[in-house]
Amino acid sequence: MSESPFPWSGFALALATAVGLVALGLPPLPILLMLFVWAGSLWLVGSTPPPPAPTNGNGGISRDMMGDLVEHSETPVIVTEAGRVIIANLASRRLLGSHILGQDVRMALRQPEAVSLLESDEDGAAVVRGLARRKDIWRINRKNLDGGLSIVEFVNKTAEADISRAHTDFVANASHELRTPLASILGYVETLREDVDNFDPKIGDKFLATIQREGRRLQDLVSDLMSLSRIEAEKHDLPSDALDFGRLVERAARDAAGDRVERLDIEAHGQFTVCGDEQQLEQLVRNLVDNGLKYGDEDKMVTVRLQPQGDKRVVLSVQDRGDGIAPEHLPHLTRRFYRTDPGRSRASGGTGLGLAIVKHIVERHRGKLAIESALGEGTRVKVTLPLDC
C-alpha cells in the first residue's frame, strides 16, 4: 500500500471518546487498547490500494496458457494473429490438419463464407459446408480479442441437419403411406354411394372387402408408428425384468404364425434368461417370424433357433427359404418404410416399419442385429442379446 496522510480528525474523535469513557469511571487499560485498535483501523481505511498489475490485454492469460486451456476441448478452436494461425487445439488439428499452425487462416479454410468472415474486423458467425467432408455442415464463430488476436470456434451442425432431414423424410413417407389406403377407402366408398340402389351385391361385397383390408392396413400402420414412437422414447432406459427367453420366443412365434404354425420349426439349445422388456421382445419375435412366413416359400419351413454364444450371450435366428434379398438392399432394410419390392410388400400387408422396430428394440436391449441373405436361398436374421441382468 502507498503512504497516505494520517486521519487526525478521526483519531481526535477516538481520543475524545476514550477520555469520556475514563471520566465515567471505566478501567483505563481496556480503553487504551480500544483506542490503539481504533487508530490502526483508521490508518488502514485511509490507505490507498496498490495499482492493478499490468496485463497483456487478454485478462492476464498468456498465449501458452490460452493454448493449454483449449487444447483438449472437444470443440475445434484456433487463435489467429494478423490473419495467421498461432494456436490450434487438438480437435482443430484433427479437423483441418496439423499444417494449419503458422498458416494464413484463409488458406487453411478455403471457404468463401469463412474467408469473408475472417477478413472482416467484426465479431460474427458463418455457416460452411464441406469443410472436412462433402456433406459436413459447420458453424464458424469468430470473436476478436485485444492485441490483434481473434479466436475462431468450429461447431459441427452435421448431426443436427441429419436429424432434421430424417424427420422431414419420415413425415413425408408416413404421410404417403397413410394417404394410400385412405385414398383407396374413400374411392370405393364414393363409388358405392353413387348408385347404392342398383349396385350388384357381389361387386359391392368385393368393394367392402377391399375397404376392410385397407382399413386394417391403416390400423396396422398407425399401430406400428405408435410402437416405434414408444420404443424410441424409452431407448435410454435399460430393461430390468428377468425373462425366460426360450418360452417367450416359442409363445410369440406361434402367436405370429397363427394358422401357419405347421410351417414353423422352433428349437432352443438350452435355457436362457435375459433382462428385457417382455412386450417389446415379443413384438421383435412376432415381426421376424411374420416376415419369414410372408416372404419365404409357402411350402417350406421357417426355422427359429436359440443358441448360446459363449457364456454371456444368446443368439436368436429366424431363417426363411424364399427368394432372398439382393446385396444392395441389405444395408437399408432397417430404414423406416424401406421396401425391396413395394408392390409385393403392400400386397402382403406390410407397413415397412417391422425391421425398423426390431432394430430399435435390439438397441434398447444392448444387443446386435445382423441380416444375411442370398438370392434364391432365403434370408436369415440374427439377434444377439446379453444373458442375465
Protein backbone atom coordinates (compact mmCIF):
# COMPACT_ATOMS: atom_id res chain seq x y z
CA MET A 1 0.00 0.00 0.00
CA SER A 2 1.19 3.59 -0.64
CA GLU A 3 1.70 6.20 2.02
CA SER A 4 -1.29 8.48 2.91
CA PRO A 5 -1.89 11.28 5.45
CA PHE A 6 -2.85 10.05 8.93
CA PRO A 7 -6.57 10.73 9.61
CA TRP A 8 -6.07 13.10 12.58
CA SER A 9 -9.70 14.17 12.68
CA GLY A 10 -10.83 10.58 13.19
CA PHE A 11 -8.12 9.99 15.79
CA ALA A 12 -9.20 13.15 17.69
CA LEU A 13 -12.76 11.79 17.84
CA ALA A 14 -11.49 8.42 19.10
CA LEU A 15 -9.31 10.17 21.75
CA ALA A 16 -12.22 12.31 22.96
CA THR A 17 -14.38 9.20 23.25
CA ALA A 18 -11.68 7.41 25.28
CA VAL A 19 -11.32 10.36 27.69
CA GLY A 20 -15.08 10.45 28.16
CA LEU A 21 -15.16 6.72 28.99
CA VAL A 22 -12.35 7.17 31.58
CA ALA A 23 -14.25 10.10 33.11
CA LEU A 24 -17.24 7.77 33.50
CA GLY A 25 -15.09 5.53 35.71
CA LEU A 26 -14.35 2.67 33.27
CA PRO A 27 -10.96 0.87 33.57
CA PRO A 28 -8.29 2.78 31.61
CA LEU A 29 -6.37 -0.29 30.23
CA PRO A 30 -9.18 -1.71 28.04
CA ILE A 31 -9.98 1.83 26.86
CA LEU A 32 -6.33 2.34 25.88
CA LEU A 33 -6.30 -0.94 23.93
CA MET A 34 -9.55 0.03 22.18
CA LEU A 35 -8.04 3.42 21.26
CA PHE A 36 -4.99 1.69 19.78
CA VAL A 37 -7.13 -0.68 17.61
CA TRP A 38 -9.33 2.21 16.52
CA ALA A 39 -6.32 4.28 15.42
CA GLY A 40 -4.89 1.32 13.46
CA SER A 41 -8.19 0.71 11.66
CA LEU A 42 -8.43 4.41 10.75
CA TRP A 43 -4.97 4.25 9.23
CA LEU A 44 -5.81 1.10 7.20
CA VAL A 45 -9.06 2.55 5.87
CA GLY A 46 -7.27 5.69 4.75
CA SER A 47 -4.52 3.86 2.86
CA THR A 48 -4.50 3.86 -0.96
CA PRO A 49 -4.80 0.36 -2.52
CA PRO A 50 -1.98 -0.78 -4.80
CA PRO A 51 -2.46 -0.22 -8.55
CA PRO A 52 -3.64 -3.25 -10.58
CA ALA A 53 -0.95 -5.44 -12.07
CA PRO A 54 -0.26 -4.78 -15.75
CA THR A 55 -1.92 -7.25 -18.17
CA ASN A 56 -1.20 -8.27 -21.72
CA GLY A 57 -4.66 -7.18 -22.92
CA ASN A 58 -6.25 -10.67 -22.65
CA GLY A 59 -7.17 -10.79 -19.00
CA GLY A 60 -3.64 -11.74 -17.95
CA ILE A 61 -3.70 -15.00 -19.97
CA SER A 62 -0.56 -15.66 -21.98
CA ARG A 63 -0.59 -17.40 -25.35
CA ASP A 64 0.82 -20.57 -23.82
CA MET A 65 -1.88 -20.57 -21.16
CA MET A 66 -4.55 -19.96 -23.80
CA GLY A 67 -3.25 -22.91 -25.81
CA ASP A 68 -3.28 -25.16 -22.74
CA LEU A 69 -6.85 -24.13 -21.89
CA VAL A 70 -8.30 -25.09 -25.27
CA GLU A 71 -6.00 -27.98 -26.20
CA HIS A 72 -8.29 -30.81 -25.05
CA SER A 73 -11.63 -29.17 -25.81
CA GLU A 74 -13.89 -31.35 -27.95
CA THR A 75 -14.79 -28.26 -29.98
CA PRO A 76 -12.20 -27.27 -32.62
CA VAL A 77 -10.71 -23.87 -31.71
CA ILE A 78 -7.97 -21.80 -33.34
CA VAL A 79 -6.46 -18.45 -32.38
CA THR A 80 -5.18 -16.10 -35.08
CA GLU A 81 -2.89 -13.07 -35.07
CA ALA A 82 -2.70 -10.81 -38.09
CA GLY A 83 -4.50 -13.46 -40.14
CA ARG A 84 -2.18 -16.33 -39.20
CA VAL A 85 -2.96 -19.33 -37.00
CA ILE A 86 -0.86 -19.17 -33.83
CA ILE A 87 -2.84 -21.68 -31.71
CA ALA A 88 -4.78 -24.75 -32.90
CA ASN A 89 -6.16 -27.23 -30.38
CA LEU A 90 -6.16 -31.00 -30.88
CA ALA A 91 -9.72 -31.10 -32.29
CA SER A 92 -8.95 -28.39 -34.87
CA ARG A 93 -5.74 -30.16 -35.95
CA ARG A 94 -7.74 -33.35 -36.49
CA LEU A 95 -10.33 -31.41 -38.48
CA LEU A 96 -8.05 -29.23 -40.62
CA GLY A 97 -4.63 -30.90 -40.32
CA SER A 98 -1.56 -30.10 -38.22
CA HIS A 99 -0.13 -27.96 -41.04
CA ILE A 100 -2.52 -25.09 -40.23
CA LEU A 101 -0.21 -23.80 -37.46
CA GLY A 102 1.56 -20.74 -38.81
CA GLN A 103 -0.56 -20.78 -41.97
CA ASP A 104 -2.72 -17.98 -43.31
CA VAL A 105 -6.16 -18.78 -41.92
CA ARG A 106 -7.79 -18.12 -45.29
CA MET A 107 -5.65 -20.80 -46.90
CA ALA A 108 -6.43 -23.19 -44.04
CA LEU A 109 -10.20 -22.90 -44.54
CA ARG A 110 -10.64 -22.03 -48.24
CA GLN A 111 -14.36 -21.44 -47.83
CA PRO A 112 -15.77 -18.19 -49.27
CA GLU A 113 -18.17 -17.69 -46.35
CA ALA A 114 -15.43 -18.33 -43.79
CA VAL A 115 -12.90 -16.12 -45.61
CA SER A 116 -15.42 -13.28 -45.76
CA LEU A 117 -15.99 -13.57 -42.01
CA LEU A 118 -12.30 -13.72 -41.15
CA GLU A 119 -11.39 -10.77 -43.37
CA SER A 120 -13.86 -8.51 -41.59
CA ASP A 121 -12.86 -6.62 -38.45
CA GLU A 122 -16.04 -7.50 -36.57
CA ASP A 123 -17.24 -10.43 -34.49
CA GLY A 124 -19.63 -12.74 -36.28
CA ALA A 125 -20.56 -16.22 -37.49
CA ALA A 126 -20.81 -18.09 -40.77
CA VAL A 127 -22.15 -21.48 -41.87
CA VAL A 128 -19.98 -23.50 -44.26
CA ARG A 129 -20.43 -26.85 -45.97
CA GLY A 130 -17.85 -29.44 -46.89
CA LEU A 131 -15.16 -28.21 -44.51
CA ALA A 132 -13.74 -31.70 -43.93
CA ARG A 133 -16.15 -34.00 -45.79
CA ARG A 134 -18.54 -33.29 -48.63
CA LYS A 135 -21.76 -33.27 -46.60
CA ASP A 136 -20.39 -31.68 -43.40
CA ILE A 137 -22.08 -28.55 -42.07
CA TRP A 138 -20.14 -26.30 -39.65
CA ARG A 139 -20.92 -23.04 -37.90
CA ILE A 140 -17.82 -20.84 -37.52
CA ASN A 141 -17.89 -18.28 -34.68
CA ARG A 142 -15.29 -15.51 -34.59
CA LYS A 143 -14.52 -13.28 -31.57
CA ASN A 144 -11.94 -10.50 -31.61
CA LEU A 145 -9.58 -10.17 -28.63
CA ASP A 146 -7.25 -7.37 -27.58
CA GLY A 147 -3.79 -7.21 -29.08
CA GLY A 148 -4.88 -8.09 -32.62
CA LEU A 149 -5.88 -11.63 -31.70
CA SER A 150 -9.03 -13.48 -32.78
CA ILE A 151 -10.46 -16.74 -31.52
CA VAL A 152 -12.34 -18.93 -34.01
CA GLU A 153 -14.63 -21.75 -32.89
CA PHE A 154 -15.98 -24.52 -35.15
CA VAL A 155 -19.34 -26.07 -34.18
CA ASN A 156 -20.39 -29.22 -36.04
CA LYS A 157 -24.02 -28.95 -37.18
CA THR A 158 -23.98 -32.05 -39.40
CA ALA A 159 -25.82 -34.36 -36.98
CA GLU A 160 -28.42 -31.69 -36.28
CA ALA A 161 -29.05 -31.26 -40.01
CA ASP A 162 -29.21 -35.05 -40.50
CA ILE A 163 -31.81 -35.38 -37.74
CA SER A 164 -33.87 -32.56 -39.23
CA ARG A 165 -33.67 -34.17 -42.67
CA ALA A 166 -34.60 -37.58 -41.23
CA HIS A 167 -37.64 -36.07 -39.50
CA THR A 168 -38.71 -34.39 -42.74
CA ASP A 169 -38.29 -37.63 -44.71
CA PHE A 170 -40.17 -39.58 -42.03
CA VAL A 171 -43.14 -37.20 -42.09
CA ALA A 172 -43.21 -37.29 -45.90
CA ASN A 173 -43.03 -41.10 -46.01
CA ALA A 174 -45.58 -41.55 -43.23
CA SER A 175 -47.96 -39.15 -44.97
CA HIS A 176 -47.61 -41.09 -48.21
CA GLU A 177 -48.18 -44.45 -46.51
CA LEU A 178 -51.25 -43.15 -44.71
CA ARG A 179 -52.64 -41.43 -47.77
CA THR A 180 -52.54 -44.56 -49.97
CA PRO A 181 -55.05 -46.69 -48.01
CA LEU A 182 -57.18 -43.64 -47.24
CA ALA A 183 -57.46 -42.81 -50.93
CA SER A 184 -58.49 -46.39 -51.68
CA ILE A 185 -61.11 -46.41 -48.91
CA LEU A 186 -62.60 -43.07 -49.97
CA GLY A 187 -62.63 -44.08 -53.63
CA TYR A 188 -64.57 -47.28 -53.03
CA VAL A 189 -66.99 -45.59 -50.63
CA GLU A 190 -67.75 -42.85 -53.17
CA THR A 191 -68.34 -45.48 -55.87
CA LEU A 192 -70.74 -47.41 -53.63
CA ARG A 193 -72.70 -44.28 -52.79
CA GLU A 194 -73.09 -43.14 -56.39
CA ASP A 195 -75.57 -45.92 -57.25
CA VAL A 196 -76.33 -47.60 -53.95
CA ASP A 197 -79.83 -48.79 -55.02
CA ASN A 198 -78.81 -50.55 -58.25
CA PHE A 199 -75.41 -51.84 -57.17
CA ASP A 200 -74.57 -55.50 -57.85
CA PRO A 201 -74.32 -57.20 -54.40
CA LYS A 202 -71.33 -59.27 -55.49
CA ILE A 203 -69.40 -56.22 -56.64
CA GLY A 204 -70.50 -54.37 -53.50
CA ASP A 205 -69.20 -57.20 -51.33
CA LYS A 206 -65.90 -57.11 -53.22
CA PHE A 207 -65.63 -53.36 -52.66
CA LEU A 208 -66.41 -53.75 -48.96
CA ALA A 209 -63.74 -56.43 -48.62
CA THR A 210 -61.21 -54.03 -50.16
CA ILE A 211 -62.32 -51.25 -47.80
CA GLN A 212 -61.93 -53.62 -44.84
CA ARG A 213 -58.45 -54.72 -45.99
CA GLU A 214 -57.26 -51.15 -46.48
CA GLY A 215 -58.76 -50.15 -43.12
CA ARG A 216 -56.83 -52.91 -41.37
CA ARG A 217 -53.68 -51.88 -43.18
CA LEU A 218 -54.24 -48.32 -41.97
CA GLN A 219 -54.80 -49.62 -38.44
CA ASP A 220 -51.58 -51.68 -38.58
CA LEU A 221 -49.62 -48.68 -39.84
CA VAL A 222 -50.86 -46.42 -37.05
CA SER A 223 -50.13 -49.17 -34.51
CA ASP A 224 -46.56 -49.60 -35.80
CA LEU A 225 -45.97 -45.84 -35.78
CA MET A 226 -47.08 -45.67 -32.15
CA SER A 227 -44.90 -48.66 -31.24
CA LEU A 228 -41.87 -47.09 -32.88
CA SER A 229 -42.51 -43.82 -31.06
CA ARG A 230 -42.75 -45.57 -27.68
CA ILE A 231 -39.59 -47.60 -28.27
CA GLU A 232 -37.60 -44.51 -29.27
CA ALA A 233 -38.86 -42.65 -26.18
CA GLU A 234 -37.58 -45.48 -23.95
CA LYS A 235 -34.31 -46.18 -25.77
CA HIS A 236 -32.13 -44.87 -22.92
CA ASP A 237 -33.99 -46.84 -20.22
CA LEU A 238 -32.39 -50.26 -19.79
CA PRO A 239 -34.97 -53.04 -19.24
CA SER A 240 -34.80 -54.72 -15.83
CA ASP A 241 -37.16 -57.74 -15.94
CA ALA A 242 -35.61 -61.24 -15.92
CA LEU A 243 -37.34 -63.27 -18.66
CA ASP A 244 -37.29 -66.91 -19.77
CA PHE A 245 -36.30 -66.14 -23.35
CA GLY A 246 -36.94 -69.62 -24.73
CA ARG A 247 -40.52 -69.70 -23.51
CA LEU A 248 -41.10 -66.11 -24.72
CA VAL A 249 -39.77 -66.92 -28.22
CA GLU A 250 -41.94 -70.03 -28.61
CA ARG A 251 -45.07 -68.23 -27.43
CA ALA A 252 -44.54 -65.16 -29.63
CA ALA A 253 -43.55 -67.21 -32.69
CA ARG A 254 -46.68 -69.39 -32.50
CA ASP A 255 -48.82 -66.30 -31.95
CA ALA A 256 -47.34 -64.67 -35.09
CA ALA A 257 -47.80 -67.82 -37.16
CA GLY A 258 -51.49 -68.37 -36.32
CA ASP A 259 -52.89 -70.90 -38.78
CA ARG A 260 -49.46 -71.11 -40.47
CA VAL A 261 -47.92 -72.77 -37.42
CA GLU A 262 -47.22 -76.01 -39.30
CA ARG A 263 -44.53 -74.12 -41.24
CA LEU A 264 -42.61 -73.28 -38.05
CA ASP A 265 -39.55 -75.25 -36.92
CA ILE A 266 -38.65 -73.99 -33.41
CA GLU A 267 -35.75 -75.31 -31.37
CA ALA A 268 -33.87 -73.98 -28.32
CA HIS A 269 -30.40 -75.32 -27.50
CA GLY A 270 -30.53 -74.61 -23.77
CA GLN A 271 -32.35 -72.41 -21.28
CA PHE A 272 -31.71 -68.68 -21.44
CA THR A 273 -32.61 -65.83 -19.11
CA VAL A 274 -32.38 -62.33 -20.48
CA CYS A 275 -33.01 -58.94 -18.93
CA GLY A 276 -35.64 -57.31 -21.10
CA ASP A 277 -38.97 -55.72 -21.79
CA GLU A 278 -41.40 -58.61 -22.33
CA GLN A 279 -43.79 -56.74 -24.62
CA GLN A 280 -41.02 -55.41 -26.85
CA LEU A 281 -39.19 -58.74 -27.14
CA GLU A 282 -42.45 -60.47 -28.06
CA GLN A 283 -43.00 -57.82 -30.74
CA LEU A 284 -39.47 -58.42 -32.03
CA VAL A 285 -40.08 -62.17 -32.39
CA ARG A 286 -43.51 -61.68 -33.97
CA ASN A 287 -42.13 -59.26 -36.55
CA LEU A 288 -39.27 -61.58 -37.54
CA VAL A 289 -41.43 -64.70 -37.73
CA ASP A 290 -44.18 -62.89 -39.64
CA ASN A 291 -41.62 -61.61 -42.16
CA GLY A 292 -40.21 -65.11 -42.58
CA LEU A 293 -43.63 -66.61 -43.21
CA LYS A 294 -44.66 -63.79 -45.59
CA TYR A 295 -41.56 -63.75 -47.77
CA GLY A 296 -40.49 -67.40 -47.54
CA ASP A 297 -41.81 -70.06 -49.90
CA GLU A 298 -45.24 -71.21 -48.78
CA ASP A 299 -44.26 -74.88 -48.97
CA LYS A 300 -41.03 -74.51 -47.00
CA MET A 301 -40.30 -74.21 -43.28
CA VAL A 302 -39.25 -71.13 -41.33
CA THR A 303 -36.55 -72.06 -38.85
CA VAL A 304 -36.37 -70.41 -35.42
CA ARG A 305 -33.31 -71.24 -33.33
CA LEU A 306 -31.98 -70.20 -29.92
CA GLN A 307 -28.30 -70.90 -29.36
CA PRO A 308 -25.66 -69.75 -26.85
CA GLN A 309 -22.80 -67.50 -27.92
CA GLY A 310 -20.13 -68.05 -25.31
CA ASP A 311 -21.23 -67.80 -21.69
CA LYS A 312 -22.76 -64.34 -21.74
CA ARG A 313 -24.90 -64.09 -24.89
CA VAL A 314 -27.73 -65.84 -26.69
CA VAL A 315 -28.46 -65.75 -30.44
CA LEU A 316 -31.97 -65.85 -31.86
CA SER A 317 -32.03 -66.67 -35.57
CA VAL A 318 -35.05 -66.71 -37.87
CA GLN A 319 -34.46 -68.14 -41.35
CA ASP A 320 -36.83 -68.40 -44.29
CA ARG A 321 -36.27 -70.18 -47.59
CA GLY A 322 -37.64 -67.72 -50.08
CA ASP A 323 -36.34 -65.61 -52.95
CA GLY A 324 -33.74 -63.86 -50.83
CA ILE A 325 -32.67 -60.22 -50.96
CA ALA A 326 -30.17 -58.60 -53.34
CA PRO A 327 -26.94 -57.43 -51.63
CA GLU A 328 -27.52 -53.74 -52.43
CA HIS A 329 -30.69 -53.74 -50.33
CA LEU A 330 -29.22 -55.28 -47.17
CA PRO A 331 -27.73 -52.08 -45.63
CA HIS A 332 -31.09 -50.28 -45.94
CA LEU A 333 -33.51 -52.89 -44.63
CA THR A 334 -33.88 -51.32 -41.17
CA ARG A 335 -34.76 -47.89 -42.56
CA ARG A 336 -38.33 -46.79 -41.99
CA PHE A 337 -40.64 -47.58 -44.90
CA TYR A 338 -37.83 -49.14 -46.94
CA ARG A 339 -39.06 -51.91 -49.23
CA THR A 340 -37.12 -54.08 -51.66
CA ASP A 341 -40.34 -54.72 -53.60
CA PRO A 342 -43.01 -52.12 -52.69
CA GLY A 343 -45.80 -53.84 -54.59
CA ARG A 344 -45.22 -57.24 -53.02
CA SER A 345 -44.76 -55.77 -49.54
CA ARG A 346 -48.01 -53.82 -49.65
CA ALA A 347 -49.88 -56.80 -51.13
CA SER A 348 -48.74 -58.93 -48.20
CA GLY A 349 -49.93 -56.31 -45.71
CA GLY A 350 -46.53 -54.99 -44.64
CA THR A 351 -46.19 -51.48 -43.21
CA GLY A 352 -42.48 -51.03 -43.95
CA LEU A 353 -41.72 -50.49 -40.26
CA GLY A 354 -41.20 -54.04 -39.00
CA LEU A 355 -37.39 -54.20 -39.19
CA ALA A 356 -37.04 -50.58 -38.04
CA ILE A 357 -38.95 -51.56 -34.89
CA VAL A 358 -36.75 -54.68 -34.49
CA LYS A 359 -33.58 -52.57 -34.77
CA HIS A 360 -34.68 -50.12 -32.07
CA ILE A 361 -35.75 -52.93 -29.71
CA VAL A 362 -32.37 -54.65 -30.17
CA GLU A 363 -30.51 -51.39 -29.48
CA ARG A 364 -32.50 -50.76 -26.31
CA HIS A 365 -31.61 -54.28 -25.09
CA ARG A 366 -27.87 -53.70 -25.77
CA GLY A 367 -27.90 -56.35 -28.48
CA LYS A 368 -26.77 -56.73 -32.09
CA LEU A 369 -28.79 -57.26 -35.26
CA ALA A 370 -27.43 -58.97 -38.37
CA ILE A 371 -29.23 -59.79 -41.64
CA GLU A 372 -27.82 -62.33 -44.08
CA SER A 373 -29.39 -63.19 -47.42
CA ALA A 374 -28.61 -64.74 -50.77
CA LEU A 375 -30.77 -64.63 -53.88
CA GLY A 376 -32.63 -67.90 -54.35
CA GLU A 377 -31.64 -69.21 -50.90
CA GLY A 378 -33.65 -67.10 -48.44
CA THR A 379 -32.90 -64.73 -45.57
CA ARG A 380 -31.64 -65.22 -42.02
CA VAL A 381 -31.98 -62.57 -39.32
CA LYS A 382 -29.83 -62.97 -36.19
CA VAL A 383 -30.40 -61.12 -32.91
CA THR A 384 -27.71 -61.38 -30.24
CA LEU A 385 -28.68 -60.42 -26.68
CA PRO A 386 -26.76 -60.41 -23.37
CA LEU A 387 -27.75 -63.01 -20.79
CA ASP A 388 -28.96 -62.09 -17.28
CA CYS A 389 -29.25 -58.56 -15.93
